[in-house]
Amino acid sequence: MFPATTEKAERNTSPAAMQRFDQQFRENIARLKGADKQAMEQRLRELDREWNVERAIELEAPTMILLGLALGTLSNRKWFAVSAMAASMVILHNLQGWYPLLPVFRAAGLRTAEEIEQERMALKALLGEESTLAHSIH
C-alpha cells in the first residue's frame, strides 16, 4: 500500500525524467572513469553537498506553512488555507510519495538521495574503496 521510502520519488517521476537522471549518472561516471583520485574525491565531496528532492520538500513545505500562518495572522484569515494545504501535501507525500512540486523539483535536476548514493557507490568502486570512505548523505 505504501511505497518504500527509496521508491517514492521514482514512482512519481516521468519515464523521460528518469531516463535523463540515468543518462546523467552514466555521463558522470564515464567522465570520472579515467580521472585521478583527487578528482573523484572532489566529486564525492560535491555529492555530499548536493540537494536531493526530500531536502527540497523539507524546506519548501514548512516555508509555505509559515507563510500561510503569517499572512493569515497579518492580512486575511483565508491565507491559513495555504498552511493547511501545505501540511496535507506533506502527509500525502509521506504516505504515497506524490507531491505537487515533485515534477518541478525533478525538472530542476534534483535527484533522490538514493540516486545520489548510487553515484557515490559507483565512484567508490572506481576508487577501489567500496566501504572505506565515510561520506554521509545530505
C-alpha atoms as a PDB file:
ATOM      1  CA  MET A   1       0.000   0.000   0.000  1.00  0.00           C
ATOM      2  CA  PHE A   2       2.729   2.460   0.920  1.00  0.00           C
ATOM      3  CA  PRO A   3       5.799   2.775  -1.308  1.00  0.00           C
ATOM      4  CA  ALA A   4       9.235   2.216   0.160  1.00  0.00           C
ATOM      5  CA  THR A   5      10.964   5.435   1.146  1.00  0.00           C
ATOM      6  CA  THR A   6      13.601   4.891  -1.522  1.00  0.00           C
ATOM      7  CA  GLU A   7      10.958   4.458  -4.237  1.00  0.00           C
ATOM      8  CA  LYS A   8       8.578   7.348  -3.568  1.00  0.00           C
ATOM      9  CA  ALA A   9      10.027   9.949  -5.917  1.00  0.00           C
ATOM     10  CA  GLU A  10      10.980   7.468  -8.634  1.00  0.00           C
ATOM     11  CA  ARG A  11       7.429   6.085  -8.747  1.00  0.00           C
ATOM     12  CA  ASN A  12       6.092   9.597  -9.240  1.00  0.00           C
ATOM     13  CA  THR A  13       8.632  10.789 -11.812  1.00  0.00           C
ATOM     14  CA  SER A  14       8.014  10.602 -15.538  1.00  0.00           C
ATOM     15  CA  PRO A  15       9.889   7.955 -17.547  1.00  0.00           C
ATOM     16  CA  ALA A  16      11.546  10.727 -19.580  1.00  0.00           C
ATOM     17  CA  ALA A  17      12.865  12.397 -16.424  1.00  0.00           C
ATOM     18  CA  MET A  18      14.064   9.051 -15.060  1.00  0.00           C
ATOM     19  CA  GLN A  19      15.906   8.477 -18.336  1.00  0.00           C
ATOM     20  CA  ARG A  20      17.591  11.906 -18.019  1.00  0.00           C
ATOM     21  CA  PHE A  21      18.735  11.102 -14.472  1.00  0.00           C
ATOM     22  CA  ASP A  22      20.073   7.722 -15.616  1.00  0.00           C
ATOM     23  CA  GLN A  23      21.920   9.390 -18.502  1.00  0.00           C
ATOM     24  CA  GLN A  24      23.357  11.989 -16.122  1.00  0.00           C
ATOM     25  CA  PHE A  25      24.559   9.199 -13.822  1.00  0.00           C
ATOM     26  CA  ARG A  26      26.242   7.352 -16.709  1.00  0.00           C
ATOM     27  CA  GLU A  27      27.884  10.527 -18.018  1.00  0.00           C
ATOM     28  CA  ASN A  28      29.175  11.499 -14.567  1.00  0.00           C
ATOM     29  CA  ILE A  29      30.757   8.075 -14.053  1.00  0.00           C
ATOM     30  CA  ALA A  30      32.156   7.913 -17.602  1.00  0.00           C
ATOM     31  CA  ARG A  31      33.708  11.371 -17.199  1.00  0.00           C
ATOM     32  CA  LEU A  32      35.475  10.318 -13.999  1.00  0.00           C
ATOM     33  CA  LYS A  33      36.381   6.778 -15.041  1.00  0.00           C
ATOM     34  CA  GLY A  34      39.910   7.724 -16.064  1.00  0.00           C
ATOM     35  CA  ALA A  35      40.274  10.616 -13.642  1.00  0.00           C
ATOM     36  CA  ASP A  36      42.747  10.741 -10.808  1.00  0.00           C
ATOM     37  CA  LYS A  37      41.877  10.046  -7.185  1.00  0.00           C
ATOM     38  CA  GLN A  38      41.721  13.752  -6.333  1.00  0.00           C
ATOM     39  CA  ALA A  39      39.049  14.432  -8.989  1.00  0.00           C
ATOM     40  CA  MET A  40      36.963  11.505  -7.759  1.00  0.00           C
ATOM     41  CA  GLU A  41      37.249  12.613  -4.148  1.00  0.00           C
ATOM     42  CA  GLN A  42      36.247  16.142  -5.188  1.00  0.00           C
ATOM     43  CA  ARG A  43      33.143  14.693  -6.872  1.00  0.00           C
ATOM     44  CA  LEU A  44      32.346  12.730  -3.696  1.00  0.00           C
ATOM     45  CA  ARG A  45      32.509  15.994  -1.726  1.00  0.00           C
ATOM     46  CA  GLU A  46      30.167  17.599  -4.279  1.00  0.00           C
ATOM     47  CA  LEU A  47      27.745  14.703  -3.846  1.00  0.00           C
ATOM     48  CA  ASP A  48      27.841  15.256  -0.071  1.00  0.00           C
ATOM     49  CA  ARG A  49      26.589  18.807  -0.654  1.00  0.00           C
ATOM     50  CA  GLU A  50      24.078  18.020  -3.414  1.00  0.00           C
ATOM     51  CA  TRP A  51      20.490  18.799  -2.538  1.00  0.00           C
ATOM     52  CA  ASN A  52      18.002  15.988  -3.014  1.00  0.00           C
ATOM     53  CA  VAL A  53      14.239  16.002  -3.557  1.00  0.00           C
ATOM     54  CA  GLU A  54      13.416  15.192   0.069  1.00  0.00           C
ATOM     55  CA  ARG A  55      15.554  18.052   1.314  1.00  0.00           C
ATOM     56  CA  ALA A  56      13.798  20.467  -1.051  1.00  0.00           C
ATOM     57  CA  ILE A  57      10.397  19.275   0.172  1.00  0.00           C
ATOM     58  CA  GLU A  58      11.572  19.556   3.784  1.00  0.00           C
ATOM     59  CA  LEU A  59      12.418  23.213   3.139  1.00  0.00           C
ATOM     60  CA  GLU A  60       9.556  24.195   0.828  1.00  0.00           C
ATOM     61  CA  ALA A  61       6.668  22.752   2.853  1.00  0.00           C
ATOM     62  CA  PRO A  62       7.431  24.423   6.210  1.00  0.00           C
ATOM     63  CA  THR A  63       8.151  27.669   4.362  1.00  0.00           C
ATOM     64  CA  MET A  64       4.661  27.562   2.849  1.00  0.00           C
ATOM     65  CA  ILE A  65       3.151  26.639   6.221  1.00  0.00           C
ATOM     66  CA  LEU A  66       4.873  29.593   7.915  1.00  0.00           C
ATOM     67  CA  LEU A  67       3.936  31.915   5.061  1.00  0.00           C
ATOM     68  CA  GLY A  68       0.282  30.887   5.353  1.00  0.00           C
ATOM     69  CA  LEU A  69       0.354  31.397   9.117  1.00  0.00           C
ATOM     70  CA  ALA A  70       1.991  34.812   8.823  1.00  0.00           C
ATOM     71  CA  LEU A  71      -0.335  36.055   6.088  1.00  0.00           C
ATOM     72  CA  GLY A  72      -3.356  34.581   7.860  1.00  0.00           C
ATOM     73  CA  THR A  73      -2.435  36.398  11.044  1.00  0.00           C
ATOM     74  CA  LEU A  74      -1.386  39.708   9.493  1.00  0.00           C
ATOM     75  CA  SER A  75      -3.572  40.010   6.415  1.00  0.00           C
ATOM     76  CA  ASN A  76      -6.571  37.783   5.850  1.00  0.00           C
ATOM     77  CA  ARG A  77      -7.679  34.586   7.565  1.00  0.00           C
ATOM     78  CA  LYS A  78      -8.124  32.935   4.162  1.00  0.00           C
ATOM     79  CA  TRP A  79      -4.328  32.615   3.957  1.00  0.00           C
ATOM     80  CA  PHE A  80      -4.484  29.947   6.664  1.00  0.00           C
ATOM     81  CA  ALA A  81      -5.657  27.632   3.868  1.00  0.00           C
ATOM     82  CA  VAL A  82      -2.121  27.749   2.424  1.00  0.00           C
ATOM     83  CA  SER A  83      -0.788  26.254   5.662  1.00  0.00           C
ATOM     84  CA  ALA A  84      -3.446  23.558   5.683  1.00  0.00           C
ATOM     85  CA  MET A  85      -2.796  22.639   2.043  1.00  0.00           C
ATOM     86  CA  ALA A  86       0.974  22.539   2.515  1.00  0.00           C
ATOM     87  CA  ALA A  87       0.640  20.321   5.591  1.00  0.00           C
ATOM     88  CA  SER A  88      -1.755  17.979   3.791  1.00  0.00           C
ATOM     89  CA  MET A  89       0.633  17.702   0.837  1.00  0.00           C
ATOM     90  CA  VAL A  90       3.468  16.649   3.165  1.00  0.00           C
ATOM     91  CA  ILE A  91       1.223  13.989   4.680  1.00  0.00           C
ATOM     92  CA  LEU A  92       0.245  12.788   1.201  1.00  0.00           C
ATOM     93  CA  HIS A  93       3.897  12.691   0.154  1.00  0.00           C
ATOM     94  CA  ASN A  94       4.846  10.647   3.195  1.00  0.00           C
ATOM     95  CA  LEU A  95       2.028   8.179   2.594  1.00  0.00           C
ATOM     96  CA  GLN A  96       2.029   7.868  -1.196  1.00  0.00           C
ATOM     97  CA  GLY A  97       5.144   9.580  -2.466  1.00  0.00           C
ATOM     98  CA  TRP A  98       3.268  12.132  -4.555  1.00  0.00           C
ATOM     99  CA  TYR A  99       3.948  15.840  -4.061  1.00  0.00           C
ATOM    100  CA  PRO A 100       2.619  18.676  -6.251  1.00  0.00           C
ATOM    101  CA  LEU A 101       6.031  20.275  -6.751  1.00  0.00           C
ATOM    102  CA  LEU A 102       7.850  16.990  -7.344  1.00  0.00           C
ATOM    103  CA  PRO A 103       7.805  17.425 -11.153  1.00  0.00           C
ATOM    104  CA  VAL A 104       9.199  20.948 -10.721  1.00  0.00           C
ATOM    105  CA  PHE A 105      11.975  19.761  -8.406  1.00  0.00           C
ATOM    106  CA  ARG A 106      12.835  16.874 -10.729  1.00  0.00           C
ATOM    107  CA  ALA A 107      12.805  19.172 -13.785  1.00  0.00           C
ATOM    108  CA  ALA A 108      15.230  21.424 -11.900  1.00  0.00           C
ATOM    109  CA  GLY A 109      17.585  18.440 -11.708  1.00  0.00           C
ATOM    110  CA  LEU A 110      17.093  17.436  -8.088  1.00  0.00           C
ATOM    111  CA  ARG A 111      17.804  13.761  -7.631  1.00  0.00           C
ATOM    112  CA  THR A 112      16.713  11.451  -4.855  1.00  0.00           C
ATOM    113  CA  ALA A 113      19.088  10.557  -2.033  1.00  0.00           C
ATOM    114  CA  GLU A 114      19.152   7.022  -3.470  1.00  0.00           C
ATOM    115  CA  GLU A 115      20.195   8.280  -6.918  1.00  0.00           C
ATOM    116  CA  ILE A 116      22.963  10.365  -5.371  1.00  0.00           C
ATOM    117  CA  GLU A 117      24.071   7.373  -3.288  1.00  0.00           C
ATOM    118  CA  GLN A 118      24.243   5.186  -6.417  1.00  0.00           C
ATOM    119  CA  GLU A 119      26.696   7.630  -7.973  1.00  0.00           C
ATOM    120  CA  ARG A 120      28.672   7.745  -4.727  1.00  0.00           C
ATOM    121  CA  MET A 121      28.941   3.932  -4.630  1.00  0.00           C
ATOM    122  CA  ALA A 122      29.991   3.790  -8.284  1.00  0.00           C
ATOM    123  CA  LEU A 123      32.741   6.333  -7.606  1.00  0.00           C
ATOM    124  CA  LYS A 124      33.893   4.418  -4.542  1.00  0.00           C
ATOM    125  CA  ALA A 125      34.035   1.265  -6.645  1.00  0.00           C
ATOM    126  CA  LEU A 126      36.205   3.104  -9.169  1.00  0.00           C
ATOM    127  CA  LEU A 127      38.448   4.135  -6.306  1.00  0.00           C
ATOM    128  CA  GLY A 128      38.507   0.557  -5.065  1.00  0.00           C
ATOM    129  CA  GLU A 129      37.215   1.672  -1.691  1.00  0.00           C
ATOM    130  CA  GLU A 130      33.624   0.430  -1.559  1.00  0.00           C
ATOM    131  CA  SER A 131      33.417   0.512   2.217  1.00  0.00           C
ATOM    132  CA  THR A 132      36.391   2.533   3.438  1.00  0.00           C
ATOM    133  CA  LEU A 133      35.335   6.083   2.597  1.00  0.00           C
ATOM    134  CA  ALA A 134      32.911   7.608   5.067  1.00  0.00           C
ATOM    135  CA  HIS A 135      30.621  10.038   3.253  1.00  0.00           C
ATOM    136  CA  SER A 136      27.180  10.984   4.500  1.00  0.00           C
ATOM    137  CA  ILE A 137      24.055  11.798   2.524  1.00  0.00           C
ATOM    138  CA  HIS A 138      22.893  15.391   2.934  1.00  0.00           C
END
